[in-house]
Amino acid sequence: MTDLPKCPQCASEFTYVDGDNYVCPECAHEWPTAAVAAAAEDSARVVRDANGNPLADGDSVVVIKDLKVKGASSVVKVGTKVRNIRLVDGDHDIDCKIDGFGAMQLKSEFVRKA
């Protein structure tokens, strides 16, 4: 059997390649072959810290810039160590708990791997 992707519009298994496009004979939907390669690349997303080191779930990081906290009168200071991070999708890449602040979301560009 072929390893061509299913049609994203009708989920038909009978797609075929026509030049630089995949074509679905059932609904006549066409999409570029490059779109499938880009989707596979996005699924293997790597989150990197400010120095370019890859981060993983459970890592410890250090804050490299004073960060204002919405709803609080204090800031997260430079050098604050955050343990056991969890990587998530979205604008803020990291979920964590910081002593004195509780659960927070951080951007990976403001931390470095400890």
N, C-alpha and C. Protein backbone atom coordinates (compact mmCIF):
# COMPACT_ATOMS: atom_id res chain seq x y z
N MET A 1 0.84 -1.17 0.00
CA MET A 1 0.00 0.00 0.00
C MET A 1 0.89 1.25 0.00
N THR A 2 0.39 2.34 -0.47
CA THR A 2 1.17 3.57 -0.54
C THR A 2 1.17 4.27 0.80
N ASP A 3 2.16 5.11 1.00
CA ASP A 3 2.24 5.88 2.24
C ASP A 3 1.88 7.35 2.00
N LEU A 4 0.97 7.58 1.08
CA LEU A 4 0.49 8.94 0.81
C LEU A 4 -0.47 9.37 1.91
N PRO A 5 -0.50 10.66 2.24
CA PRO A 5 -1.40 11.13 3.30
C PRO A 5 -2.86 11.10 2.86
N LYS A 6 -3.75 11.02 3.85
CA LYS A 6 -5.18 11.10 3.56
C LYS A 6 -5.55 12.53 3.21
N CYS A 7 -6.65 12.68 2.53
CA CYS A 7 -7.14 14.01 2.15
C CYS A 7 -7.52 14.78 3.41
N PRO A 8 -7.01 16.01 3.60
CA PRO A 8 -7.35 16.78 4.80
C PRO A 8 -8.79 17.28 4.80
N GLN A 9 -9.44 17.26 3.66
CA GLN A 9 -10.81 17.78 3.58
C GLN A 9 -11.85 16.69 3.82
N CYS A 10 -11.68 15.53 3.17
CA CYS A 10 -12.70 14.48 3.30
C CYS A 10 -12.16 13.18 3.90
N ALA A 11 -10.87 13.10 4.20
CA ALA A 11 -10.20 11.94 4.81
C ALA A 11 -10.20 10.71 3.89
N SER A 12 -10.25 10.93 2.61
CA SER A 12 -10.20 9.83 1.65
C SER A 12 -8.79 9.25 1.60
N GLU A 13 -8.71 7.94 1.43
CA GLU A 13 -7.41 7.26 1.36
C GLU A 13 -6.89 7.16 -0.07
N PHE A 14 -7.65 7.60 -1.04
CA PHE A 14 -7.32 7.40 -2.44
C PHE A 14 -6.60 8.59 -3.07
N THR A 15 -5.73 9.26 -2.34
CA THR A 15 -5.01 10.41 -2.89
C THR A 15 -3.91 9.93 -3.84
N TYR A 16 -3.52 10.83 -4.72
CA TYR A 16 -2.42 10.54 -5.63
C TYR A 16 -1.62 11.81 -5.86
N VAL A 17 -0.40 11.65 -6.39
CA VAL A 17 0.50 12.77 -6.65
C VAL A 17 0.34 13.22 -8.08
N ASP A 18 0.22 14.54 -8.27
CA ASP A 18 0.15 15.13 -9.60
C ASP A 18 1.10 16.32 -9.63
N GLY A 19 2.31 16.10 -10.10
CA GLY A 19 3.31 17.17 -10.11
C GLY A 19 3.76 17.47 -8.68
N ASP A 20 3.55 18.72 -8.24
CA ASP A 20 3.94 19.13 -6.89
C ASP A 20 2.76 19.14 -5.93
N ASN A 21 1.66 18.52 -6.31
CA ASN A 21 0.45 18.53 -5.48
C ASN A 21 -0.04 17.12 -5.21
N TYR A 22 -0.72 16.97 -4.08
CA TYR A 22 -1.53 15.78 -3.83
C TYR A 22 -2.94 16.10 -4.30
N VAL A 23 -3.64 15.12 -4.83
CA VAL A 23 -5.00 15.32 -5.34
C VAL A 23 -5.90 14.23 -4.76
N CYS A 24 -7.09 14.64 -4.36
CA CYS A 24 -8.10 13.70 -3.89
C CYS A 24 -9.13 13.50 -5.01
N PRO A 25 -9.30 12.27 -5.52
CA PRO A 25 -10.25 12.06 -6.60
C PRO A 25 -11.71 12.12 -6.16
N GLU A 26 -11.97 11.98 -4.87
CA GLU A 26 -13.36 11.97 -4.41
C GLU A 26 -13.94 13.37 -4.25
N CYS A 27 -13.14 14.31 -3.70
CA CYS A 27 -13.67 15.67 -3.49
C CYS A 27 -12.96 16.72 -4.33
N ALA A 28 -11.97 16.31 -5.11
CA ALA A 28 -11.20 17.19 -6.00
C ALA A 28 -10.37 18.23 -5.26
N HIS A 29 -10.06 17.96 -4.00
CA HIS A 29 -9.21 18.86 -3.22
C HIS A 29 -7.75 18.64 -3.61
N GLU A 30 -7.00 19.73 -3.77
CA GLU A 30 -5.57 19.67 -4.08
C GLU A 30 -4.81 20.43 -3.01
N TRP A 31 -3.65 19.91 -2.60
CA TRP A 31 -2.79 20.60 -1.64
C TRP A 31 -1.34 20.27 -1.97
N PRO A 32 -0.43 21.22 -1.69
CA PRO A 32 0.98 21.03 -2.07
C PRO A 32 1.65 19.95 -1.24
N THR A 33 2.59 19.24 -1.86
CA THR A 33 3.35 18.21 -1.14
C THR A 33 4.24 18.84 -0.08
N ALA A 34 4.63 20.10 -0.27
CA ALA A 34 5.48 20.79 0.72
C ALA A 34 4.72 21.03 2.02
N ALA A 35 3.39 21.13 1.98
CA ALA A 35 2.59 21.36 3.17
C ALA A 35 2.68 20.16 4.11
N VAL A 36 2.75 18.96 3.57
CA VAL A 36 2.86 17.76 4.39
C VAL A 36 4.22 17.71 5.07
N ALA A 37 5.27 18.09 4.34
CA ALA A 37 6.61 18.11 4.92
C ALA A 37 6.72 19.17 6.01
N ALA A 38 6.08 20.32 5.83
CA ALA A 38 6.11 21.38 6.83
C ALA A 38 5.35 20.96 8.08
N ALA A 39 4.25 20.24 7.93
CA ALA A 39 3.49 19.77 9.08
C ALA A 39 4.29 18.77 9.90
N ALA A 40 5.03 17.91 9.23
CA ALA A 40 5.88 16.95 9.95
C ALA A 40 7.00 17.66 10.68
N GLU A 41 7.50 18.75 10.12
CA GLU A 41 8.57 19.52 10.75
C GLU A 41 8.07 20.24 11.99
N ASP A 42 6.83 20.75 11.96
CA ASP A 42 6.25 21.43 13.11
C ASP A 42 6.01 20.49 14.27
N SER A 43 5.67 19.23 13.98
CA SER A 43 5.38 18.29 15.05
C SER A 43 6.64 17.96 15.84
N ALA A 44 7.80 18.12 15.25
CA ALA A 44 9.06 17.86 15.93
C ALA A 44 9.65 19.17 16.45
N ARG A 45 8.82 20.04 17.00
CA ARG A 45 9.25 21.35 17.48
C ARG A 45 10.19 21.21 18.67
N VAL A 46 11.26 21.97 18.65
CA VAL A 46 12.23 21.95 19.73
C VAL A 46 12.22 23.32 20.40
N VAL A 47 12.05 23.34 21.72
CA VAL A 47 12.07 24.59 22.48
C VAL A 47 13.51 24.82 22.94
N ARG A 48 14.02 26.01 22.68
CA ARG A 48 15.41 26.34 23.04
C ARG A 48 15.43 27.51 24.00
N ASP A 49 16.45 27.53 24.87
CA ASP A 49 16.59 28.63 25.83
C ASP A 49 17.27 29.82 25.15
N ALA A 50 17.61 30.85 25.92
CA ALA A 50 18.20 32.07 25.39
C ALA A 50 19.57 31.82 24.74
N ASN A 51 20.28 30.78 25.18
CA ASN A 51 21.59 30.47 24.62
C ASN A 51 21.53 29.46 23.48
N GLY A 52 20.34 28.97 23.15
CA GLY A 52 20.19 28.02 22.06
C GLY A 52 20.25 26.57 22.48
N ASN A 53 20.29 26.29 23.77
CA ASN A 53 20.31 24.91 24.24
C ASN A 53 18.88 24.35 24.24
N PRO A 54 18.70 23.11 23.77
CA PRO A 54 17.35 22.53 23.77
C PRO A 54 16.88 22.24 25.19
N LEU A 55 15.60 22.50 25.45
CA LEU A 55 15.01 22.24 26.76
C LEU A 55 14.12 21.01 26.67
N ALA A 56 13.96 20.32 27.80
CA ALA A 56 13.10 19.15 27.88
C ALA A 56 12.30 19.22 29.17
N ASP A 57 11.22 18.43 29.24
CA ASP A 57 10.42 18.36 30.46
C ASP A 57 11.31 17.89 31.62
N GLY A 58 11.15 18.55 32.78
CA GLY A 58 11.90 18.17 33.97
C GLY A 58 13.22 18.89 34.14
N ASP A 59 13.64 19.69 33.17
CA ASP A 59 14.89 20.44 33.29
C ASP A 59 14.77 21.54 34.35
N SER A 60 15.93 22.03 34.78
CA SER A 60 15.99 23.20 35.64
C SER A 60 16.53 24.35 34.83
N VAL A 61 15.95 25.54 35.03
CA VAL A 61 16.37 26.73 34.29
C VAL A 61 16.59 27.88 35.26
N VAL A 62 17.31 28.90 34.79
CA VAL A 62 17.58 30.10 35.57
C VAL A 62 17.05 31.29 34.78
N VAL A 63 16.35 32.19 35.45
CA VAL A 63 15.80 33.39 34.83
C VAL A 63 16.95 34.36 34.55
N ILE A 64 17.01 34.94 33.34
CA ILE A 64 18.12 35.82 32.96
C ILE A 64 17.73 37.29 32.93
N LYS A 65 16.48 37.61 33.28
CA LYS A 65 16.01 38.98 33.23
C LYS A 65 14.93 39.16 34.29
N ASP A 66 14.87 40.34 34.92
CA ASP A 66 13.78 40.61 35.86
C ASP A 66 12.46 40.55 35.09
N LEU A 67 11.51 39.77 35.60
CA LEU A 67 10.23 39.60 34.92
C LEU A 67 9.11 40.15 35.78
N LYS A 68 8.35 41.09 35.23
CA LYS A 68 7.19 41.63 35.93
C LYS A 68 6.10 40.57 35.94
N VAL A 69 5.37 40.50 37.06
CA VAL A 69 4.29 39.53 37.19
C VAL A 69 2.97 40.28 37.26
N LYS A 70 2.07 39.97 36.34
CA LYS A 70 0.76 40.64 36.34
C LYS A 70 0.02 40.28 37.62
N GLY A 71 -0.56 41.29 38.27
CA GLY A 71 -1.33 41.06 39.47
C GLY A 71 -0.52 40.98 40.74
N ALA A 72 0.79 41.16 40.63
CA ALA A 72 1.65 41.11 41.82
C ALA A 72 2.50 42.38 41.85
N SER A 73 2.86 42.80 43.05
CA SER A 73 3.66 44.02 43.17
C SER A 73 5.15 43.74 43.08
N SER A 74 5.55 42.49 43.04
CA SER A 74 6.97 42.15 42.97
C SER A 74 7.32 41.56 41.62
N VAL A 75 8.61 41.32 41.42
CA VAL A 75 9.10 40.77 40.16
C VAL A 75 9.86 39.47 40.44
N VAL A 76 9.98 38.65 39.40
CA VAL A 76 10.84 37.48 39.48
C VAL A 76 12.24 37.97 39.15
N LYS A 77 13.15 37.85 40.12
CA LYS A 77 14.50 38.42 39.98
C LYS A 77 15.41 37.60 39.08
N VAL A 78 16.42 38.25 38.55
CA VAL A 78 17.46 37.58 37.77
C VAL A 78 18.14 36.54 38.66
N GLY A 79 18.40 35.38 38.12
CA GLY A 79 19.08 34.33 38.86
C GLY A 79 18.15 33.39 39.61
N THR A 80 16.85 33.63 39.53
CA THR A 80 15.91 32.73 40.18
C THR A 80 15.95 31.38 39.48
N LYS A 81 16.18 30.32 40.26
CA LYS A 81 16.24 28.98 39.69
C LYS A 81 14.86 28.35 39.72
N VAL A 82 14.45 27.79 38.59
CA VAL A 82 13.15 27.14 38.45
C VAL A 82 13.42 25.68 38.14
N ARG A 83 12.87 24.78 38.97
CA ARG A 83 13.10 23.35 38.78
C ARG A 83 11.86 22.69 38.19
N ASN A 84 12.10 21.58 37.51
CA ASN A 84 11.04 20.71 37.01
C ASN A 84 10.05 21.45 36.11
N ILE A 85 10.57 21.99 35.01
CA ILE A 85 9.71 22.71 34.06
C ILE A 85 8.92 21.72 33.21
N ARG A 86 7.83 22.19 32.61
CA ARG A 86 7.03 21.40 31.69
C ARG A 86 6.84 22.23 30.42
N LEU A 87 7.16 21.66 29.27
CA LEU A 87 7.05 22.37 28.00
C LEU A 87 5.62 22.25 27.46
N VAL A 88 5.09 23.38 26.98
CA VAL A 88 3.73 23.42 26.45
C VAL A 88 3.74 24.20 25.13
N ASP A 89 2.67 24.06 24.36
CA ASP A 89 2.51 24.83 23.13
C ASP A 89 1.89 26.17 23.46
N GLY A 90 2.16 27.15 22.64
CA GLY A 90 1.56 28.47 22.83
C GLY A 90 2.62 29.55 22.87
N ASP A 91 2.18 30.74 23.23
CA ASP A 91 3.08 31.90 23.29
C ASP A 91 4.13 31.73 24.39
N HIS A 92 3.71 31.26 25.55
CA HIS A 92 4.62 30.98 26.66
C HIS A 92 4.92 29.49 26.63
N ASP A 93 6.21 29.13 26.44
CA ASP A 93 6.61 27.74 26.20
C ASP A 93 6.70 26.89 27.46
N ILE A 94 6.85 27.52 28.64
CA ILE A 94 7.20 26.78 29.85
C ILE A 94 6.14 26.98 30.92
N ASP A 95 5.66 25.88 31.50
CA ASP A 95 4.83 25.91 32.71
C ASP A 95 5.71 25.50 33.87
N CYS A 96 5.60 26.21 35.00
CA CYS A 96 6.45 25.89 36.14
C CYS A 96 5.83 26.45 37.42
N LYS A 97 6.44 26.10 38.54
CA LYS A 97 6.08 26.67 39.83
C LYS A 97 7.31 27.38 40.37
N ILE A 98 7.13 28.64 40.77
CA ILE A 98 8.23 29.43 41.32
C ILE A 98 7.91 29.69 42.78
N ASP A 99 8.87 29.42 43.66
CA ASP A 99 8.68 29.65 45.09
C ASP A 99 8.35 31.11 45.34
N GLY A 100 7.29 31.36 46.08
CA GLY A 100 6.86 32.71 46.39
C GLY A 100 5.86 33.29 45.40
N PHE A 101 5.72 32.65 44.23
CA PHE A 101 4.79 33.14 43.22
C PHE A 101 3.73 32.11 42.86
N GLY A 102 4.07 30.84 42.89
CA GLY A 102 3.14 29.79 42.51
C GLY A 102 3.30 29.40 41.05
N ALA A 103 2.23 28.91 40.46
CA ALA A 103 2.25 28.44 39.07
C ALA A 103 2.39 29.63 38.13
N MET A 104 3.29 29.48 37.16
CA MET A 104 3.55 30.56 36.19
C MET A 104 3.83 29.97 34.83
N GLN A 105 3.72 30.82 33.82
CA GLN A 105 4.13 30.47 32.47
C GLN A 105 5.26 31.42 32.08
N LEU A 106 6.32 30.88 31.50
CA LEU A 106 7.48 31.68 31.09
C LEU A 106 7.75 31.48 29.61
N LYS A 107 8.38 32.47 29.02
CA LYS A 107 8.86 32.34 27.65
C LYS A 107 10.28 31.80 27.71
N SER A 108 10.61 30.92 26.78
CA SER A 108 11.93 30.29 26.79
C SER A 108 13.05 31.28 26.50
N GLU A 109 12.74 32.42 25.92
CA GLU A 109 13.78 33.40 25.59
C GLU A 109 14.30 34.14 26.83
N PHE A 110 13.62 33.99 27.97
CA PHE A 110 14.04 34.67 29.19
C PHE A 110 14.66 33.74 30.22
N VAL A 111 15.01 32.53 29.81
CA VAL A 111 15.65 31.56 30.72
C VAL A 111 16.86 30.94 30.04
N ARG A 112 17.73 30.39 30.87
CA ARG A 112 18.84 29.59 30.35
C ARG A 112 18.88 28.29 31.14
N LYS A 113 19.37 27.26 30.52
CA LYS A 113 19.43 25.94 31.16
C LYS A 113 20.43 25.97 32.31
N ALA A 114 20.03 25.39 33.44
CA ALA A 114 20.91 25.39 34.62
C ALA A 114 21.87 24.23 34.57
